[in-house]
PDB file of N, CA and C in Angstrom:
ATOM      1  N   MET A   1    -163.991 114.978  32.974  1.00  0.00           N
ATOM      2  CA  MET A   1    -165.109 114.108  33.287  1.00  0.00           C
ATOM      3  C   MET A   1    -164.871 113.480  34.658  1.00  0.00           C
ATOM      4  N   GLY A   2    -165.901 113.437  35.489  1.00  0.00           N
ATOM      5  CA  GLY A   2    -165.790 112.902  36.838  1.00  0.00           C
ATOM      6  C   GLY A   2    -165.651 111.391  36.857  1.00  0.00           C
ATOM      7  N   GLU A   3    -165.316 110.904  38.013  1.00  0.00           N
ATOM      8  CA  GLU A   3    -165.148 109.462  38.191  1.00  0.00           C
ATOM      9  C   GLU A   3    -166.516 108.818  38.352  1.00  0.00           C
ATOM     10  N   ASP A   4    -166.817 107.829  37.508  1.00  0.00           N
ATOM     11  CA  ASP A   4    -168.090 107.124  37.588  1.00  0.00           C
ATOM     12  C   ASP A   4    -168.025 106.088  38.694  1.00  0.00           C
ATOM     13  N   LYS A   5    -169.108 105.972  39.451  1.00  0.00           N
ATOM     14  CA  LYS A   5    -169.157 105.028  40.557  1.00  0.00           C
ATOM     15  C   LYS A   5    -170.394 104.167  40.442  1.00  0.00           C
ATOM     16  N   ILE A   6    -170.261 102.916  40.894  1.00  0.00           N
ATOM     17  CA  ILE A   6    -171.406 102.025  41.009  1.00  0.00           C
ATOM     18  C   ILE A   6    -171.382 101.425  42.404  1.00  0.00           C
ATOM     19  N   VAL A   7    -172.497 100.927  42.838  1.00  0.00           N
ATOM     20  CA  VAL A   7    -172.600 100.323  44.152  1.00  0.00           C
ATOM     21  C   VAL A   7    -172.507  98.806  43.998  1.00  0.00           C
ATOM     22  N   VAL A   8    -171.544  98.221  44.711  1.00  0.00           N
ATOM     23  CA  VAL A   8    -171.363  96.771  44.722  1.00  0.00           C
ATOM     24  C   VAL A   8    -171.349  96.344  46.181  1.00  0.00           C
ATOM     25  N   SER A   9    -172.066  95.278  46.492  1.00  0.00           N
ATOM     26  CA  SER A   9    -172.124  94.856  47.883  1.00  0.00           C
ATOM     27  C   SER A   9    -170.762  94.334  48.342  1.00  0.00           C
ATOM     28  N   LYS A  10    -170.539  94.482  49.620  1.00  0.00           N
ATOM     29  CA  LYS A  10    -169.269  94.054  50.214  1.00  0.00           C
ATOM     30  C   LYS A  10    -169.090  92.548  50.063  1.00  0.00           C
ATOM     31  N   ASP A  11    -170.182  91.790  50.138  1.00  0.00           N
ATOM     32  CA  ASP A  11    -170.106  90.334  49.996  1.00  0.00           C
ATOM     33  C   ASP A  11    -169.565  89.931  48.624  1.00  0.00           C
ATOM     34  N   ILE A  12    -169.982  90.637  47.598  1.00  0.00           N
ATOM     35  CA  ILE A  12    -169.506  90.320  46.247  1.00  0.00           C
ATOM     36  C   ILE A  12    -168.010  90.615  46.135  1.00  0.00           C
ATOM     37  N   LEU A  13    -167.576  91.734  46.709  1.00  0.00           N
ATOM     38  CA  LEU A  13    -166.148  92.053  46.677  1.00  0.00           C
ATOM     39  C   LEU A  13    -165.330  91.013  47.443  1.00  0.00           C
ATOM     40  N   ILE A  14    -165.865  90.526  48.528  1.00  0.00           N
ATOM     41  CA  ILE A  14    -165.165  89.494  49.305  1.00  0.00           C
ATOM     42  C   ILE A  14    -165.071  88.202  48.491  1.00  0.00           C
ATOM     43  N   LYS A  15    -166.142  87.853  47.776  1.00  0.00           N
ATOM     44  CA  LYS A  15    -166.118  86.660  46.922  1.00  0.00           C
ATOM     45  C   LYS A  15    -165.106  86.818  45.790  1.00  0.00           C
ATOM     46  N   ILE A  16    -165.047  87.996  45.186  1.00  0.00           N
ATOM     47  CA  ILE A  16    -164.072  88.245  44.113  1.00  0.00           C
ATOM     48  C   ILE A  16    -162.661  88.113  44.667  1.00  0.00           C
ATOM     49  N   LYS A  17    -162.434  88.662  45.831  1.00  0.00           N
ATOM     50  CA  LYS A  17    -161.113  88.581  46.460  1.00  0.00           C
ATOM     51  C   LYS A  17    -160.740  87.135  46.752  1.00  0.00           C
ATOM     52  N   SER A  18    -161.697  86.377  47.248  1.00  0.00           N
ATOM     53  CA  SER A  18    -161.452  84.967  47.559  1.00  0.00           C
ATOM     54  C   SER A  18    -161.106  84.170  46.309  1.00  0.00           C
ATOM     55  N   ARG A  19    -161.839  84.407  45.249  1.00  0.00           N
ATOM     56  CA  ARG A  19    -161.580  83.670  44.004  1.00  0.00           C
ATOM     57  C   ARG A  19    -160.263  84.092  43.376  1.00  0.00           C
ATOM     58  N   ALA A  20    -159.902  85.345  43.489  1.00  0.00           N
ATOM     59  CA  ALA A  20    -158.605  85.798  42.974  1.00  0.00           C
ATOM     60  C   ALA A  20    -157.467  85.161  43.766  1.00  0.00           C
ATOM     61  N   GLN A  21    -157.647  84.998  45.071  1.00  0.00           N
ATOM     62  CA  GLN A  21    -156.638  84.319  45.881  1.00  0.00           C
ATOM     63  C   GLN A  21    -156.515  82.858  45.480  1.00  0.00           C
ATOM     64  N   THR A  22    -157.646  82.222  45.176  1.00  0.00           N
ATOM     65  CA  THR A  22    -157.625  80.830  44.725  1.00  0.00           C
ATOM     66  C   THR A  22    -156.886  80.710  43.398  1.00  0.00           C
ATOM     67  N   ILE A  23    -157.186  81.599  42.469  1.00  0.00           N
ATOM     68  CA  ILE A  23    -156.496  81.582  41.171  1.00  0.00           C
ATOM     69  C   ILE A  23    -155.006  81.778  41.372  1.00  0.00           C
ATOM     70  N   LYS A  24    -154.647  82.713  42.232  1.00  0.00           N
ATOM     71  CA  LYS A  24    -153.239  82.998  42.485  1.00  0.00           C
ATOM     72  C   LYS A  24    -152.518  81.786  43.062  1.00  0.00           C
ATOM     73  N   SER A  25    -153.171  81.068  43.969  1.00  0.00           N
ATOM     74  CA  SER A  25    -152.510  79.933  44.606  1.00  0.00           C
ATOM     75  C   SER A  25    -152.483  78.675  43.733  1.00  0.00           C
ATOM     76  N   LEU A  26    -153.475  78.498  42.859  1.00  0.00           N
ATOM     77  CA  LEU A  26    -153.530  77.294  42.036  1.00  0.00           C
ATOM     78  C   LEU A  26    -152.797  77.420  40.706  1.00  0.00           C
ATOM     79  N   CYS A  27    -152.634  78.627  40.232  1.00  0.00           N
ATOM     80  CA  CYS A  27    -152.068  78.844  38.905  1.00  0.00           C
ATOM     81  C   CYS A  27    -150.545  78.868  38.943  1.00  0.00           C
ATOM     82  N   LYS A  28    -149.943  78.368  37.881  1.00  0.00           N
ATOM     83  CA  LYS A  28    -148.492  78.376  37.778  1.00  0.00           C
ATOM     84  C   LYS A  28    -148.008  79.385  36.736  1.00  0.00           C
ATOM     85  N   ASP A  29    -148.910  79.920  35.946  1.00  0.00           N
ATOM     86  CA  ASP A  29    -148.572  80.898  34.918  1.00  0.00           C
ATOM     87  C   ASP A  29    -148.319  82.258  35.580  1.00  0.00           C
ATOM     88  N   LYS A  30    -147.129  82.816  35.359  1.00  0.00           N
ATOM     89  CA  LYS A  30    -146.746  84.061  36.016  1.00  0.00           C
ATOM     90  C   LYS A  30    -147.632  85.232  35.604  1.00  0.00           C
ATOM     91  N   ALA A  31    -148.066  85.252  34.366  1.00  0.00           N
ATOM     92  CA  ALA A  31    -148.923  86.343  33.894  1.00  0.00           C
ATOM     93  C   ALA A  31    -150.272  86.322  34.623  1.00  0.00           C
ATOM     94  N   LEU A  32    -150.827  85.114  34.787  1.00  0.00           N
ATOM     95  CA  LEU A  32    -152.103  84.998  35.493  1.00  0.00           C
ATOM     96  C   LEU A  32    -151.954  85.332  36.981  1.00  0.00           C
ATOM     97  N   ILE A  33    -150.836  84.937  37.553  1.00  0.00           N
ATOM     98  CA  ILE A  33    -150.593  85.258  38.963  1.00  0.00           C
ATOM     99  C   ILE A  33    -150.518  86.774  39.151  1.00  0.00           C
ATOM    100  N   LYS A  34    -149.847  87.442  38.207  1.00  0.00           N
ATOM    101  CA  LYS A  34    -149.736  88.897  38.283  1.00  0.00           C
ATOM    102  C   LYS A  34    -151.111  89.556  38.157  1.00  0.00           C
ATOM    103  N   GLU A  35    -151.935  89.052  37.237  1.00  0.00           N
ATOM    104  CA  GLU A  35    -153.285  89.585  37.077  1.00  0.00           C
ATOM    105  C   GLU A  35    -154.112  89.371  38.347  1.00  0.00           C
ATOM    106  N   ALA A  36    -153.987  88.189  38.942  1.00  0.00           N
ATOM    107  CA  ALA A  36    -154.720  87.895  40.177  1.00  0.00           C
ATOM    108  C   ALA A  36    -154.268  88.828  41.304  1.00  0.00           C
ATOM    109  N   GLU A  37    -152.969  89.106  41.369  1.00  0.00           N
ATOM    110  CA  GLU A  37    -152.457  90.020  42.391  1.00  0.00           C
ATOM    111  C   GLU A  37    -153.000  91.428  42.186  1.00  0.00           C
ATOM    112  N   GLU A  38    -153.107  91.862  40.933  1.00  0.00           N
ATOM    113  CA  GLU A  38    -153.660  93.182  40.652  1.00  0.00           C
ATOM    114  C   GLU A  38    -155.133  93.255  41.062  1.00  0.00           C
ATOM    115  N   ILE A  39    -155.866  92.181  40.787  1.00  0.00           N
ATOM    116  CA  ILE A  39    -157.272  92.128  41.198  1.00  0.00           C
ATOM    117  C   ILE A  39    -157.368  92.174  42.721  1.00  0.00           C
ATOM    118  N   LEU A  40    -156.508  91.426  43.399  1.00  0.00           N
ATOM    119  CA  LEU A  40    -156.496  91.425  44.862  1.00  0.00           C
ATOM    120  C   LEU A  40    -156.206  92.826  45.406  1.00  0.00           C
ATOM    121  N   ASP A  41    -155.244  93.514  44.799  1.00  0.00           N
ATOM    122  CA  ASP A  41    -154.912  94.863  45.252  1.00  0.00           C
ATOM    123  C   ASP A  41    -156.088  95.820  45.065  1.00  0.00           C
ATOM    124  N   LEU A  42    -156.723  95.753  43.895  1.00  0.00           N
ATOM    125  CA  LEU A  42    -157.857  96.640  43.622  1.00  0.00           C
ATOM    126  C   LEU A  42    -159.014  96.392  44.581  1.00  0.00           C
ATOM    127  N   VAL A  43    -159.335  95.128  44.788  1.00  0.00           N
ATOM    128  CA  VAL A  43    -160.452  94.786  45.670  1.00  0.00           C
ATOM    129  C   VAL A  43    -160.119  95.155  47.120  1.00  0.00           C
ATOM    130  N   SER A  44    -158.881  94.900  47.524  1.00  0.00           N
ATOM    131  CA  SER A  44    -158.477  95.240  48.889  1.00  0.00           C
ATOM    132  C   SER A  44    -158.575  96.741  49.132  1.00  0.00           C
ATOM    133  N   LYS A  45    -158.174  97.526  48.148  1.00  0.00           N
ATOM    134  CA  LYS A  45    -158.277  98.982  48.289  1.00  0.00           C
ATOM    135  C   LYS A  45    -159.728  99.412  48.451  1.00  0.00           C
ATOM    136  N   GLU A  46    -160.612  98.812  47.681  1.00  0.00           N
ATOM    137  CA  GLU A  46    -162.028  99.166  47.780  1.00  0.00           C
ATOM    138  C   GLU A  46    -162.613  98.735  49.128  1.00  0.00           C
ATOM    139  N   LEU A  47    -162.204  97.561  49.605  1.00  0.00           N
ATOM    140  CA  LEU A  47    -162.729  97.080  50.884  1.00  0.00           C
ATOM    141  C   LEU A  47    -162.181  97.888  52.052  1.00  0.00           C
ATOM    142  N   ASN A  48    -160.971  98.404  51.914  1.00  0.00           N
ATOM    143  CA  ASN A  48    -160.328  99.113  53.017  1.00  0.00           C
ATOM    144  C   ASN A  48    -160.586 100.611  53.013  1.00  0.00           C
ATOM    145  N   LYS A  49    -161.344 101.097  52.038  1.00  0.00           N
ATOM    146  CA  LYS A  49    -161.649 102.528  52.032  1.00  0.00           C
ATOM    147  C   LYS A  49    -162.373 102.879  53.314  1.00  0.00           C
ATOM    148  N   ASP A  50    -162.116 104.074  53.762  1.00  0.00           N
ATOM    149  CA  ASP A  50    -162.718 104.519  55.011  1.00  0.00           C
ATOM    150  C   ASP A  50    -164.216 104.700  54.824  1.00  0.00           C
ATOM    151  N   THR A  51    -164.958 103.703  55.260  1.00  0.00           N
ATOM    152  CA  THR A  51    -166.406 103.802  55.187  1.00  0.00           C
ATOM    153  C   THR A  51    -166.962 104.394  56.476  1.00  0.00           C
ATOM    154  N   GLU A  52    -166.166 104.338  57.530  1.00  0.00           N
ATOM    155  CA  GLU A  52    -166.596 104.917  58.794  1.00  0.00           C
ATOM    156  C   GLU A  52    -166.224 106.394  58.830  1.00  0.00           C
ATOM    157  N   THR A  53    -167.047 107.165  59.454  1.00  0.00           N
ATOM    158  CA  THR A  53    -166.716 108.569  59.644  1.00  0.00           C
ATOM    159  C   THR A  53    -165.732 108.687  60.800  1.00  0.00           C
ATOM    160  N   VAL A  54    -165.147 109.856  60.918  1.00  0.00           N
ATOM    161  CA  VAL A  54    -164.202 110.095  62.007  1.00  0.00           C
ATOM    162  C   VAL A  54    -164.913 109.922  63.345  1.00  0.00           C
ATOM    163  N   MET A  55    -166.128 110.418  63.419  1.00  0.00           N
ATOM    164  CA  MET A  55    -166.907 110.318  64.658  1.00  0.00           C
ATOM    165  C   MET A  55    -167.133 108.852  65.033  1.00  0.00           C
ATOM    166  N   GLU A  56    -167.467 108.007  64.058  1.00  0.00           N
ATOM    167  CA  GLU A  56    -167.700 106.584  64.329  1.00  0.00           C
ATOM    168  C   GLU A  56    -166.422 105.899  64.787  1.00  0.00           C
ATOM    169  N   LYS A  57    -165.292 106.250  64.183  1.00  0.00           N
ATOM    170  CA  LYS A  57    -164.016 105.663  64.591  1.00  0.00           C
ATOM    171  C   LYS A  57    -163.703 106.007  66.040  1.00  0.00           C
ATOM    172  N   ILE A  58    -163.909 107.266  66.383  1.00  0.00           N
ATOM    173  CA  ILE A  58    -163.620 107.705  67.755  1.00  0.00           C
ATOM    174  C   ILE A  58    -164.539 106.995  68.741  1.00  0.00           C
ATOM    175  N   GLU A  59    -165.825 106.928  68.421  1.00  0.00           N
ATOM    176  CA  GLU A  59    -166.783 106.265  69.310  1.00  0.00           C
ATOM    177  C   GLU A  59    -166.448 104.788  69.493  1.00  0.00           C
ATOM    178  N   GLN A  60    -166.067 104.112  68.416  1.00  0.00           N
ATOM    179  CA  GLN A  60    -165.723 102.693  68.492  1.00  0.00           C
ATOM    180  C   GLN A  60    -164.495 102.486  69.380  1.00  0.00           C
ATOM    181  N   LYS A  61    -163.486 103.313  69.189  1.00  0.00           N
ATOM    182  CA  LYS A  61    -162.263 103.171  69.978  1.00  0.00           C
ATOM    183  C   LYS A  61    -162.525 103.523  71.438  1.00  0.00           C
ATOM    184  N   MET A  62    -163.435 104.462  71.689  1.00  0.00           N
ATOM    185  CA  MET A  62    -163.797 104.781  73.067  1.00  0.00           C
ATOM    186  C   MET A  62    -164.415 103.569  73.756  1.00  0.00           C
ATOM    187  N   ARG A  63    -165.291 102.862  73.036  1.00  0.00           N
ATOM    188  CA  ARG A  63    -165.904 101.660  73.601  1.00  0.00           C
ATOM    189  C   ARG A  63    -164.852 100.589  73.885  1.00  0.00           C
ATOM    190  N   GLU A  64    -163.899 100.441  72.979  1.00  0.00           N
ATOM    191  CA  GLU A  64    -162.869  99.413  73.139  1.00  0.00           C
ATOM    192  C   GLU A  64    -161.946  99.693  74.319  1.00  0.00           C
ATOM    193  N   THR A  65    -161.662 100.962  74.562  1.00  0.00           N
ATOM    194  CA  THR A  65    -160.662 101.311  75.578  1.00  0.00           C
ATOM    195  C   THR A  65    -161.255 101.728  76.914  1.00  0.00           C
ATOM    196  N   ARG A  66    -162.565 101.623  77.038  1.00  0.00           N
ATOM    197  CA  ARG A  66    -163.227 102.088  78.261  1.00  0.00           C
ATOM    198  C   ARG A  66    -162.601 101.490  79.521  1.00  0.00           C
ATOM    199  N   SER A  67    -162.379 100.193  79.535  1.00  0.00           N
ATOM    200  CA  SER A  67    -161.832  99.572  80.742  1.00  0.00           C
ATOM    201  C   SER A  67    -160.345  99.255  80.632  1.00  0.00           C
ATOM    202  N   SER A  68    -159.839  99.123  79.430  1.00  0.00           N
ATOM    203  CA  SER A  68    -158.444  98.717  79.269  1.00  0.00           C
ATOM    204  C   SER A  68    -157.459  99.878  79.332  1.00  0.00           C
ATOM    205  N   ASN A  69    -157.875 101.080  78.905  1.00  0.00           N
ATOM    206  CA  ASN A  69    -156.969 102.225  78.896  1.00  0.00           C
ATOM    207  C   ASN A  69    -157.766 103.503  79.159  1.00  0.00           C
ATOM    208  N   PRO A  70    -158.002 103.816  80.443  1.00  0.00           N
ATOM    209  CA  PRO A  70    -158.825 104.990  80.776  1.00  0.00           C
ATOM    210  C   PRO A  70    -158.246 106.320  80.283  1.00  0.00           C
ATOM    211  N   ASP A  71    -156.914 106.439  80.240  1.00  0.00           N
ATOM    212  CA  ASP A  71    -156.309 107.692  79.772  1.00  0.00           C
ATOM    213  C   ASP A  71    -156.637 107.940  78.301  1.00  0.00           C
ATOM    214  N   LEU A  72    -156.486 106.922  77.483  1.00  0.00           N
ATOM    215  CA  LEU A  72    -156.811 107.047  76.066  1.00  0.00           C
ATOM    216  C   LEU A  72    -158.306 107.310  75.895  1.00  0.00           C
ATOM    217  N   ASN A  73    -159.116 106.629  76.696  1.00  0.00           N
ATOM    218  CA  ASN A  73    -160.559 106.823  76.637  1.00  0.00           C
ATOM    219  C   ASN A  73    -160.916 108.276  76.946  1.00  0.00           C
ATOM    220  N   ALA A  74    -160.265 108.870  77.943  1.00  0.00           N
ATOM    221  CA  ALA A  74    -160.521 110.262  78.300  1.00  0.00           C
ATOM    222  C   ALA A  74    -160.110 111.201  77.167  1.00  0.00           C
ATOM    223  N   ASN A  75    -158.955 110.954  76.570  1.00  0.00           N
ATOM    224  CA  ASN A  75    -158.497 111.785  75.451  1.00  0.00           C
ATOM    225  C   ASN A  75    -159.468 111.692  74.271  1.00  0.00           C
ATOM    226  N   LEU A  76    -159.925 110.478  73.992  1.00  0.00           N
ATOM    227  CA  LEU A  76    -160.866 110.293  72.890  1.00  0.00           C
ATOM    228  C   LEU A  76    -162.213 110.943  73.192  1.00  0.00           C
ATOM    229  N   TYR A  77    -162.620 110.904  74.452  1.00  0.00           N
ATOM    230  CA  TYR A  77    -163.879 111.549  74.829  1.00  0.00           C
ATOM    231  C   TYR A  77    -163.803 113.056  74.597  1.00  0.00           C
ATOM    232  N   ILE A  78    -162.701 113.659  75.006  1.00  0.00           N
ATOM    233  CA  ILE A  78    -162.513 115.101  74.803  1.00  0.00           C
ATOM    234  C   ILE A  78    -162.490 115.418  73.309  1.00  0.00           C
ATOM    235  N   LEU A  79    -161.792 114.598  72.550  1.00  0.00           N
ATOM    236  CA  LEU A  79    -161.752 114.774  71.100  1.00  0.00           C
ATOM    237  C   LEU A  79    -163.153 114.658  70.502  1.00  0.00           C
ATOM    238  N   HIS A  80    -163.903 113.669  70.960  1.00  0.00           N
ATOM    239  CA  HIS A  80    -165.275 113.449  70.492  1.00  0.00           C
ATOM    240  C   HIS A  80    -166.151 114.665  70.780  1.00  0.00           C
ATOM    241  N   ARG A  81    -166.067 115.194  71.993  1.00  0.00           N
ATOM    242  CA  ARG A  81    -166.873 116.349  72.371  1.00  0.00           C
ATOM    243  C   ARG A  81    -166.484 117.590  71.569  1.00  0.00           C
ATOM    244  N   ASN A  82    -165.187 117.786  71.351  1.00  0.00           N
ATOM    245  CA  ASN A  82    -164.743 118.939  70.565  1.00  0.00           C
ATOM    246  C   ASN A  82    -165.237 118.846  69.125  1.00  0.00           C
ATOM    247  N   LEU A  83    -165.198 117.653  68.571  1.00  0.00           N
ATOM    248  CA  LEU A  83    -165.686 117.463  67.205  1.00  0.00           C
ATOM    249  C   LEU A  83    -167.204 117.647  67.145  1.00  0.00           C
ATOM    250  N   LEU A  84    -167.883 117.128  68.145  1.00  0.00           N
ATOM    251  CA  LEU A  84    -169.338 117.241  68.203  1.00  0.00           C
ATOM    252  C   LEU A  84    -169.785 118.708  68.304  1.00  0.00           C
ATOM    253  N   ASN A  85    -169.027 119.502  69.047  1.00  0.00           N
ATOM    254  CA  ASN A  85    -169.360 120.917  69.239  1.00  0.00           C
ATOM    255  C   ASN A  85    -168.737 121.823  68.175  1.00  0.00           C
ATOM    256  N   ASN A  86    -168.160 121.209  67.151  1.00  0.00           N
ATOM    257  CA  ASN A  86    -167.536 121.940  66.035  1.00  0.00           C
ATOM    258  C   ASN A  86    -166.422 122.879  66.478  1.00  0.00           C
ATOM    259  N   LYS A  87    -165.693 122.486  67.517  1.00  0.00           N
ATOM    260  CA  LYS A  87    -164.552 123.284  67.955  1.00  0.00           C
ATOM    261  C   LYS A  87    -163.310 122.962  67.136  1.00  0.00           C
ATOM    262  N   ILE A  88    -163.298 121.764  66.520  1.00  0.00           N
ATOM    263  CA  ILE A  88    -162.193 121.378  65.636  1.00  0.00           C
ATOM    264  C   ILE A  88    -162.786 120.799  64.360  1.00  0.00           C
ATOM    265  N   THR A  89    -161.978 120.799  63.305  1.00  0.00           N
ATOM    266  CA  THR A  89    -162.431 120.251  62.028  1.00  0.00           C
ATOM    267  C   THR A  89    -162.267 118.740  62.020  1.00  0.00           C
ATOM    268  N   LYS A  90    -162.899 118.090  61.053  1.00  0.00           N
ATOM    269  CA  LYS A  90    -162.773 116.640  60.931  1.00  0.00           C
ATOM    270  C   LYS A  90    -161.334 116.235  60.629  1.00  0.00           C
ATOM    271  N   GLU A  91    -160.634 117.046  59.828  1.00  0.00           N
ATOM    272  CA  GLU A  91    -159.251 116.743  59.486  1.00  0.00           C
ATOM    273  C   GLU A  91    -158.361 116.802  60.726  1.00  0.00           C
ATOM    274  N   ASP A  92    -158.561 117.830  61.554  1.00  0.00           N
ATOM    275  CA  ASP A  92    -157.791 117.949  62.787  1.00  0.00           C
ATOM    276  C   ASP A  92    -158.123 116.807  63.748  1.00  0.00           C
ATOM    277  N   ALA A  93    -159.398 116.462  63.807  1.00  0.00           N
ATOM    278  CA  ALA A  93    -159.822 115.362  64.676  1.00  0.00           C
ATOM    279  C   ALA A  93    -159.203 114.047  64.227  1.00  0.00           C
ATOM    280  N   LEU A  94    -159.159 113.822  62.920  1.00  0.00           N
ATOM    281  CA  LEU A  94    -158.563 112.597  62.405  1.00  0.00           C
ATOM    282  C   LEU A  94    -157.069 112.553  62.708  1.00  0.00           C
ATOM    283  N   ALA A  95    -156.399 113.691  62.566  1.00  0.00           N
ATOM    284  CA  ALA A  95    -154.964 113.751  62.866  1.00  0.00           C
ATOM    285  C   ALA A  95    -154.709 113.465  64.344  1.00  0.00           C
ATOM    286  N   LEU A  96    -155.506 114.052  65.221  1.00  0.00           N
ATOM    287  CA  LEU A  96    -155.356 113.789  66.656  1.00  0.00           C
ATOM    288  C   LEU A  96    -155.687 112.338  66.995  1.00  0.00           C
ATOM    289  N   TYR A  97    -156.730 111.805  66.372  1.00  0.00           N
ATOM    290  CA  TYR A  97    -157.111 110.411  66.593  1.00  0.00           C
ATOM    291  C   TYR A  97    -155.950 109.482  66.235  1.00  0.00           C
ATOM    292  N   LYS A  98    -155.350 109.700  65.068  1.00  0.00           N
ATOM    293  CA  LYS A  98    -154.227 108.858  64.646  1.00  0.00           C
ATOM    294  C   LYS A  98    -153.055 109.007  65.597  1.00  0.00           C
ATOM    295  N   MET A  99    -152.803 110.231  66.064  1.00  0.00           N
ATOM    296  CA  MET A  99    -151.705 110.451  67.007  1.00  0.00           C
ATOM    297  C   MET A  99    -151.961 109.691  68.312  1.00  0.00           C
ATOM    298  N   TYR A 100    -153.194 109.763  68.819  1.00  0.00           N
ATOM    299  CA  TYR A 100    -153.533 109.045  70.051  1.00  0.00           C
ATOM    300  C   TYR A 100    -153.373 107.534  69.876  1.00  0.00           C
ATOM    301  N   ILE A 101    -153.826 107.014  68.754  1.00  0.00           N
ATOM    302  CA  ILE A 101    -153.758 105.570  68.512  1.00  0.00           C
ATOM    303  C   ILE A 101    -152.306 105.128  68.341  1.00  0.00           C
ATOM    304  N   ASP A 102    -151.525 105.924  67.617  1.00  0.00           N
ATOM    305  CA  ASP A 102    -150.116 105.575  67.414  1.00  0.00           C
ATOM    306  C   ASP A 102    -149.321 105.617  68.710  1.00  0.00           C
ATOM    307  N   SER A 103    -149.681 106.531  69.606  1.00  0.00           N
ATOM    308  CA  SER A 103    -148.943 106.636  70.864  1.00  0.00           C
ATOM    309  C   SER A 103    -149.488 105.695  71.937  1.00  0.00           C
ATOM    310  N   GLU A 104    -150.574 105.006  71.638  1.00  0.00           N
ATOM    311  CA  GLU A 104    -151.202 104.111  72.620  1.00  0.00           C
ATOM    312  C   GLU A 104    -150.254 103.007  73.077  1.00  0.00           C
ATOM    313  N   ILE A 105    -149.467 102.471  72.173  1.00  0.00           N
ATOM    314  CA  ILE A 105    -148.580 101.360  72.536  1.00  0.00           C
ATOM    315  C   ILE A 105    -147.497 101.786  73.514  1.00  0.00           C
ATOM    316  N   PHE A 106    -147.183 103.081  73.560  1.00  0.00           N
ATOM    317  CA  PHE A 106    -146.164 103.566  74.479  1.00  0.00           C
ATOM    318  C   PHE A 106    -146.756 103.961  75.840  1.00  0.00           C
ATOM    319  N   ASP A 107    -148.061 104.092  75.908  1.00  0.00           N
ATOM    320  CA  ASP A 107    -148.736 104.544  77.113  1.00  0.00           C
ATOM    321  C   ASP A 107    -149.374 103.425  77.908  1.00  0.00           C
ATOM    322  N   LYS A 108    -149.052 102.194  77.603  1.00  0.00           N
ATOM    323  CA  LYS A 108    -149.703 101.064  78.287  1.00  0.00           C
ATOM    324  C   LYS A 108    -149.357 101.072  79.773  1.00  0.00           C
ATOM    325  N   LYS A 109    -150.380 100.963  80.569  1.00  0.00           N
ATOM    326  CA  LYS A 109    -150.231 100.840  82.003  1.00  0.00           C
ATOM    327  C   LYS A 109    -151.055  99.647  82.450  1.00  0.00           C
ATOM    328  N   ILE A 110    -150.675  99.056  83.533  1.00  0.00           N
ATOM    329  CA  ILE A 110    -151.418  97.926  84.060  1.00  0.00           C
ATOM    330  C   ILE A 110    -152.375  98.455  85.115  1.00  0.00           C
ATOM    331  N   TYR A 111    -153.648  98.212  84.883  1.00  0.00           N
ATOM    332  CA  TYR A 111    -154.669  98.699  85.809  1.00  0.00           C
ATOM    333  C   TYR A 111    -155.243  97.549  86.586  1.00  0.00           C
TER     334      TYR A 111
END
């Protein structure tokens, strides 16, 4: 049987997370604290799921690095064009994107 899904607004998940944090901080019972932590973990996982596509991530990072890191911006532009023209798969594009972002801290130059 497949996984059943429902749609819940992000605002409601944020409110649940906030209230679970309040319970965790105000409560002294270890069992309740553990339950609140589990709720926090579940909600955090749902909020952090990749809702953006690979293309959106690349475009956003291109906008961010346009003036601060032209080399990274150029690499992301090439990656974006290759993905747009179906020269590479989304999985390959995501792997390259992560590699570029991870290596960004080592490539800092002062412009």
